[in-house]
Amino acid sequence: MAALEMRGSIHCGPECARLEREVDGLIAARDTRVIFDMAGLTHADSAGIGAIVKCLTKLKNAGGGLRIAAAQSMIQYSLKLTKVDMLIEIFPTVEQAAKGFSGPDASAGQTA
């Protein structure tokens, strides 16, 4: 399990691409359970929210999942408005998001 700390704003352009590249790197390293720590995120436009949904899809296709933690009120509002909160579980803290996320078989190491 990995937690990605998000800061500033995510909007159309390099921030979206960087977020997707980071998730691609985690998937390549077989780290497919990811928490987006949004405590430092102040703004996300529609492209940023789209990138978050793309990351969710990539992680699910890799057999993992995505959780969101510590989103500020404006970010939470945007996630609810776009119904992303129906796709991704949102938690008040990273610690709460991590609980039960690893699963009992996470350390067993799956082989294909």
N, C-alpha and C. Protein backbone atom coordinates (compact mmCIF):
# COMPACT_ATOMS: atom_id res chain seq x y z
N MET A 1 0.84 -1.18 0.00
CA MET A 1 0.00 0.00 0.00
C MET A 1 0.89 1.24 0.00
N ALA A 2 0.47 2.24 -0.75
CA ALA A 2 1.22 3.49 -0.84
C ALA A 2 0.29 4.68 -0.63
N ALA A 3 0.82 5.73 -0.05
CA ALA A 3 0.06 6.98 0.10
C ALA A 3 0.79 8.05 -0.71
N LEU A 4 0.06 8.69 -1.62
CA LEU A 4 0.61 9.79 -2.40
C LEU A 4 0.12 11.10 -1.82
N GLU A 5 1.05 11.95 -1.44
CA GLU A 5 0.70 13.25 -0.88
C GLU A 5 0.48 14.25 -2.02
N MET A 6 -0.68 14.88 -2.02
CA MET A 6 -1.00 15.84 -3.08
C MET A 6 -0.98 17.25 -2.48
N ARG A 7 -0.35 18.18 -3.20
CA ARG A 7 -0.22 19.56 -2.71
C ARG A 7 -0.59 20.55 -3.80
N GLY A 8 -1.05 21.72 -3.38
CA GLY A 8 -1.33 22.79 -4.33
C GLY A 8 -2.60 22.52 -5.10
N SER A 9 -2.48 22.56 -6.43
CA SER A 9 -3.66 22.32 -7.26
C SER A 9 -3.34 21.33 -8.37
N ILE A 10 -4.38 20.63 -8.79
CA ILE A 10 -4.26 19.73 -9.92
C ILE A 10 -5.22 20.26 -10.97
N HIS A 11 -4.64 20.67 -12.09
CA HIS A 11 -5.47 21.16 -13.18
C HIS A 11 -4.87 20.70 -14.50
N CYS A 12 -5.61 20.95 -15.55
CA CYS A 12 -5.25 20.50 -16.89
C CYS A 12 -3.77 20.76 -17.17
N GLY A 13 -3.07 19.74 -17.60
CA GLY A 13 -1.67 19.92 -17.95
C GLY A 13 -0.74 18.98 -17.22
N PRO A 14 0.45 19.51 -16.87
CA PRO A 14 1.51 18.65 -16.32
C PRO A 14 1.13 17.95 -15.01
N GLU A 15 0.31 18.60 -14.18
CA GLU A 15 -0.04 17.98 -12.89
C GLU A 15 -0.82 16.68 -13.10
N CYS A 16 -1.76 16.70 -14.04
CA CYS A 16 -2.55 15.49 -14.34
C CYS A 16 -1.65 14.38 -14.87
N ALA A 17 -0.77 14.72 -15.80
CA ALA A 17 0.14 13.73 -16.38
C ALA A 17 1.07 13.17 -15.31
N ARG A 18 1.56 14.04 -14.42
CA ARG A 18 2.47 13.59 -13.36
C ARG A 18 1.76 12.62 -12.41
N LEU A 19 0.52 12.93 -12.06
CA LEU A 19 -0.25 12.06 -11.17
C LEU A 19 -0.42 10.67 -11.80
N GLU A 20 -0.78 10.65 -13.06
CA GLU A 20 -0.95 9.37 -13.75
C GLU A 20 0.38 8.60 -13.85
N ARG A 21 1.48 9.31 -14.11
CA ARG A 21 2.80 8.66 -14.18
C ARG A 21 3.18 8.06 -12.83
N GLU A 22 2.89 8.78 -11.75
CA GLU A 22 3.21 8.26 -10.42
C GLU A 22 2.44 6.98 -10.15
N VAL A 23 1.16 6.96 -10.51
CA VAL A 23 0.35 5.76 -10.31
C VAL A 23 0.85 4.63 -11.21
N ASP A 24 1.21 4.95 -12.45
CA ASP A 24 1.78 3.93 -13.35
C ASP A 24 3.03 3.31 -12.73
N GLY A 25 3.86 4.16 -12.11
CA GLY A 25 5.08 3.67 -11.46
C GLY A 25 4.78 2.75 -10.29
N LEU A 26 3.75 3.10 -9.51
CA LEU A 26 3.37 2.25 -8.39
C LEU A 26 2.85 0.90 -8.89
N ILE A 27 2.05 0.93 -9.94
CA ILE A 27 1.52 -0.32 -10.52
C ILE A 27 2.67 -1.18 -11.03
N ALA A 28 3.64 -0.56 -11.69
CA ALA A 28 4.81 -1.30 -12.20
C ALA A 28 5.57 -1.96 -11.05
N ALA A 29 5.56 -1.31 -9.88
CA ALA A 29 6.23 -1.87 -8.70
C ALA A 29 5.31 -2.81 -7.92
N ARG A 30 4.16 -3.13 -8.50
CA ARG A 30 3.15 -4.01 -7.89
C ARG A 30 2.55 -3.44 -6.61
N ASP A 31 2.52 -2.12 -6.52
CA ASP A 31 1.89 -1.44 -5.38
C ASP A 31 0.56 -0.89 -5.90
N THR A 32 -0.50 -1.70 -5.78
CA THR A 32 -1.76 -1.35 -6.44
C THR A 32 -2.84 -0.85 -5.49
N ARG A 33 -2.54 -0.74 -4.21
CA ARG A 33 -3.49 -0.17 -3.25
C ARG A 33 -2.94 1.19 -2.86
N VAL A 34 -3.63 2.24 -3.31
CA VAL A 34 -3.09 3.60 -3.18
C VAL A 34 -4.08 4.50 -2.45
N ILE A 35 -3.53 5.34 -1.59
CA ILE A 35 -4.31 6.38 -0.91
C ILE A 35 -3.82 7.72 -1.41
N PHE A 36 -4.74 8.56 -1.90
CA PHE A 36 -4.39 9.93 -2.25
C PHE A 36 -4.62 10.78 -1.01
N ASP A 37 -3.52 11.24 -0.41
CA ASP A 37 -3.57 12.12 0.76
C ASP A 37 -3.76 13.55 0.24
N MET A 38 -4.97 14.08 0.38
CA MET A 38 -5.31 15.37 -0.19
C MET A 38 -5.29 16.52 0.83
N ALA A 39 -4.63 16.32 1.96
CA ALA A 39 -4.59 17.36 2.99
C ALA A 39 -4.02 18.67 2.46
N GLY A 40 -3.03 18.59 1.56
CA GLY A 40 -2.39 19.78 1.03
C GLY A 40 -2.93 20.24 -0.31
N LEU A 41 -3.98 19.58 -0.80
CA LEU A 41 -4.55 19.93 -2.10
C LEU A 41 -5.60 21.02 -1.92
N THR A 42 -5.43 22.13 -2.63
CA THR A 42 -6.34 23.26 -2.47
C THR A 42 -7.34 23.41 -3.61
N HIS A 43 -7.01 22.87 -4.79
CA HIS A 43 -7.90 23.03 -5.94
C HIS A 43 -7.69 21.90 -6.94
N ALA A 44 -8.80 21.45 -7.53
CA ALA A 44 -8.73 20.46 -8.62
C ALA A 44 -9.80 20.82 -9.63
N ASP A 45 -9.39 21.03 -10.87
CA ASP A 45 -10.38 21.33 -11.90
C ASP A 45 -10.93 20.02 -12.48
N SER A 46 -11.77 20.13 -13.50
CA SER A 46 -12.39 18.93 -14.06
C SER A 46 -11.36 17.96 -14.63
N ALA A 47 -10.29 18.49 -15.20
CA ALA A 47 -9.24 17.62 -15.73
C ALA A 47 -8.53 16.89 -14.59
N GLY A 48 -8.33 17.57 -13.48
CA GLY A 48 -7.72 16.95 -12.30
C GLY A 48 -8.58 15.83 -11.76
N ILE A 49 -9.88 16.08 -11.69
CA ILE A 49 -10.80 15.05 -11.22
C ILE A 49 -10.84 13.89 -12.21
N GLY A 50 -10.77 14.20 -13.49
CA GLY A 50 -10.71 13.16 -14.51
C GLY A 50 -9.46 12.30 -14.36
N ALA A 51 -8.34 12.94 -14.03
CA ALA A 51 -7.08 12.19 -13.82
C ALA A 51 -7.21 11.26 -12.62
N ILE A 52 -7.89 11.71 -11.57
CA ILE A 52 -8.10 10.87 -10.39
C ILE A 52 -8.91 9.63 -10.77
N VAL A 53 -9.96 9.83 -11.58
CA VAL A 53 -10.79 8.71 -12.02
C VAL A 53 -9.99 7.76 -12.92
N LYS A 54 -9.12 8.31 -13.79
CA LYS A 54 -8.26 7.47 -14.63
C LYS A 54 -7.34 6.62 -13.76
N CYS A 55 -6.80 7.22 -12.69
CA CYS A 55 -5.93 6.49 -11.77
C CYS A 55 -6.71 5.35 -11.11
N LEU A 56 -7.96 5.63 -10.72
CA LEU A 56 -8.81 4.59 -10.13
C LEU A 56 -8.96 3.42 -11.10
N THR A 57 -9.25 3.72 -12.36
CA THR A 57 -9.44 2.68 -13.38
C THR A 57 -8.17 1.86 -13.55
N LYS A 58 -7.02 2.54 -13.63
CA LYS A 58 -5.75 1.83 -13.79
C LYS A 58 -5.50 0.89 -12.60
N LEU A 59 -5.74 1.39 -11.39
CA LEU A 59 -5.49 0.59 -10.20
C LEU A 59 -6.44 -0.60 -10.12
N LYS A 60 -7.71 -0.38 -10.45
CA LYS A 60 -8.68 -1.49 -10.43
C LYS A 60 -8.31 -2.54 -11.47
N ASN A 61 -7.89 -2.10 -12.66
CA ASN A 61 -7.49 -3.04 -13.72
C ASN A 61 -6.27 -3.85 -13.30
N ALA A 62 -5.45 -3.29 -12.40
CA ALA A 62 -4.26 -3.99 -11.90
C ALA A 62 -4.59 -4.83 -10.67
N GLY A 63 -5.88 -4.90 -10.30
CA GLY A 63 -6.28 -5.71 -9.15
C GLY A 63 -6.21 -4.98 -7.83
N GLY A 64 -6.06 -3.67 -7.86
CA GLY A 64 -5.94 -2.90 -6.62
C GLY A 64 -7.12 -1.99 -6.39
N GLY A 65 -6.84 -0.86 -5.76
CA GLY A 65 -7.91 0.08 -5.46
C GLY A 65 -7.34 1.43 -5.07
N LEU A 66 -8.25 2.40 -4.92
CA LEU A 66 -7.87 3.76 -4.59
C LEU A 66 -8.79 4.27 -3.49
N ARG A 67 -8.21 4.96 -2.52
CA ARG A 67 -8.97 5.64 -1.48
C ARG A 67 -8.46 7.07 -1.39
N ILE A 68 -9.33 7.96 -0.94
CA ILE A 68 -8.98 9.37 -0.77
C ILE A 68 -9.02 9.68 0.72
N ALA A 69 -8.03 10.45 1.18
CA ALA A 69 -7.97 10.83 2.59
C ALA A 69 -7.74 12.33 2.74
N ALA A 70 -8.32 12.88 3.79
CA ALA A 70 -8.05 14.25 4.26
C ALA A 70 -8.35 15.34 3.23
N ALA A 71 -9.37 15.14 2.39
CA ALA A 71 -9.71 16.15 1.39
C ALA A 71 -10.33 17.38 2.08
N GLN A 72 -9.88 18.56 1.67
CA GLN A 72 -10.44 19.79 2.20
C GLN A 72 -11.87 19.96 1.69
N SER A 73 -12.63 20.84 2.33
CA SER A 73 -14.06 20.96 2.03
C SER A 73 -14.35 21.29 0.57
N MET A 74 -13.56 22.16 -0.07
CA MET A 74 -13.82 22.49 -1.47
C MET A 74 -13.56 21.28 -2.37
N ILE A 75 -12.54 20.51 -2.05
CA ILE A 75 -12.24 19.31 -2.84
C ILE A 75 -13.35 18.27 -2.63
N GLN A 76 -13.78 18.10 -1.38
CA GLN A 76 -14.88 17.16 -1.10
C GLN A 76 -16.13 17.57 -1.86
N TYR A 77 -16.40 18.87 -1.89
CA TYR A 77 -17.58 19.37 -2.62
C TYR A 77 -17.48 19.01 -4.10
N SER A 78 -16.31 19.23 -4.69
CA SER A 78 -16.11 18.91 -6.11
C SER A 78 -16.27 17.41 -6.37
N LEU A 79 -15.77 16.58 -5.46
CA LEU A 79 -15.88 15.14 -5.62
C LEU A 79 -17.33 14.68 -5.51
N LYS A 80 -18.10 15.34 -4.63
CA LYS A 80 -19.52 15.00 -4.50
C LYS A 80 -20.30 15.49 -5.71
N LEU A 81 -19.99 16.69 -6.16
CA LEU A 81 -20.69 17.28 -7.31
C LEU A 81 -20.52 16.42 -8.56
N THR A 82 -19.33 15.87 -8.73
CA THR A 82 -19.03 15.04 -9.91
C THR A 82 -19.34 13.56 -9.66
N LYS A 83 -19.84 13.25 -8.48
CA LYS A 83 -20.21 11.89 -8.07
C LYS A 83 -19.01 10.94 -7.98
N VAL A 84 -17.81 11.49 -7.90
CA VAL A 84 -16.62 10.66 -7.73
C VAL A 84 -16.66 10.00 -6.35
N ASP A 85 -17.33 10.66 -5.39
CA ASP A 85 -17.45 10.08 -4.05
C ASP A 85 -18.24 8.77 -4.05
N MET A 86 -18.98 8.51 -5.16
CA MET A 86 -19.70 7.24 -5.29
C MET A 86 -18.78 6.14 -5.81
N LEU A 87 -17.65 6.54 -6.41
CA LEU A 87 -16.69 5.58 -6.97
C LEU A 87 -15.52 5.28 -6.04
N ILE A 88 -15.12 6.31 -5.28
CA ILE A 88 -13.92 6.20 -4.44
C ILE A 88 -14.30 6.52 -3.00
N GLU A 89 -13.91 5.64 -2.09
CA GLU A 89 -14.18 5.89 -0.67
C GLU A 89 -13.33 7.05 -0.18
N ILE A 90 -13.95 7.92 0.61
CA ILE A 90 -13.26 9.09 1.15
C ILE A 90 -13.22 8.97 2.67
N PHE A 91 -12.03 9.20 3.23
CA PHE A 91 -11.82 9.07 4.67
C PHE A 91 -11.26 10.37 5.24
N PRO A 92 -11.53 10.63 6.53
CA PRO A 92 -11.03 11.87 7.15
C PRO A 92 -9.51 11.91 7.30
N THR A 93 -8.87 10.75 7.47
CA THR A 93 -7.42 10.71 7.66
C THR A 93 -6.81 9.56 6.86
N VAL A 94 -5.50 9.65 6.62
CA VAL A 94 -4.77 8.59 5.93
C VAL A 94 -4.83 7.31 6.76
N GLU A 95 -4.70 7.44 8.09
CA GLU A 95 -4.73 6.27 8.96
C GLU A 95 -6.05 5.52 8.83
N GLN A 96 -7.16 6.26 8.79
CA GLN A 96 -8.46 5.60 8.64
C GLN A 96 -8.60 4.97 7.25
N ALA A 97 -8.07 5.64 6.24
CA ALA A 97 -8.12 5.08 4.88
C ALA A 97 -7.31 3.80 4.79
N ALA A 98 -6.22 3.73 5.53
CA ALA A 98 -5.33 2.56 5.47
C ALA A 98 -5.91 1.35 6.19
N LYS A 99 -6.79 1.58 7.17
CA LYS A 99 -7.36 0.47 7.94
C LYS A 99 -8.10 -0.50 7.02
N GLY A 100 -7.69 -1.75 7.06
CA GLY A 100 -8.37 -2.78 6.29
C GLY A 100 -8.12 -2.70 4.79
N PHE A 101 -7.31 -1.74 4.34
CA PHE A 101 -7.08 -1.57 2.91
C PHE A 101 -6.09 -2.59 2.39
N SER A 102 -5.10 -2.96 3.19
CA SER A 102 -4.09 -3.90 2.76
C SER A 102 -4.68 -5.28 2.57
N GLY A 103 -5.64 -5.64 3.41
CA GLY A 103 -6.25 -6.94 3.29
C GLY A 103 -5.34 -8.01 3.88
N PRO A 104 -5.91 -9.12 4.31
CA PRO A 104 -5.12 -10.16 4.96
C PRO A 104 -4.12 -10.84 4.05
N ASP A 105 -4.38 -10.84 2.73
CA ASP A 105 -3.49 -11.55 1.81
C ASP A 105 -2.50 -10.64 1.11
N ALA A 106 -2.45 -9.38 1.49
CA ALA A 106 -1.58 -8.43 0.78
C ALA A 106 -0.11 -8.80 0.88
N SER A 107 0.31 -9.36 2.02
CA SER A 107 1.73 -9.68 2.17
C SER A 107 2.06 -11.04 1.55
N ALA A 108 1.06 -11.78 1.13
CA ALA A 108 1.31 -13.10 0.55
C ALA A 108 1.99 -13.02 -0.81
N GLY A 109 1.79 -11.90 -1.52
CA GLY A 109 2.44 -11.72 -2.81
C GLY A 109 1.81 -12.59 -3.88
N GLN A 110 1.08 -11.96 -4.76
CA GLN A 110 0.41 -12.73 -5.80
C GLN A 110 1.36 -12.97 -6.97
N THR A 111 1.27 -14.13 -7.54
CA THR A 111 2.07 -14.43 -8.73
C THR A 111 1.13 -14.73 -9.89
N ALA A 112 1.53 -14.27 -11.05
CA ALA A 112 0.67 -14.46 -12.22
C ALA A 112 1.13 -15.65 -13.02
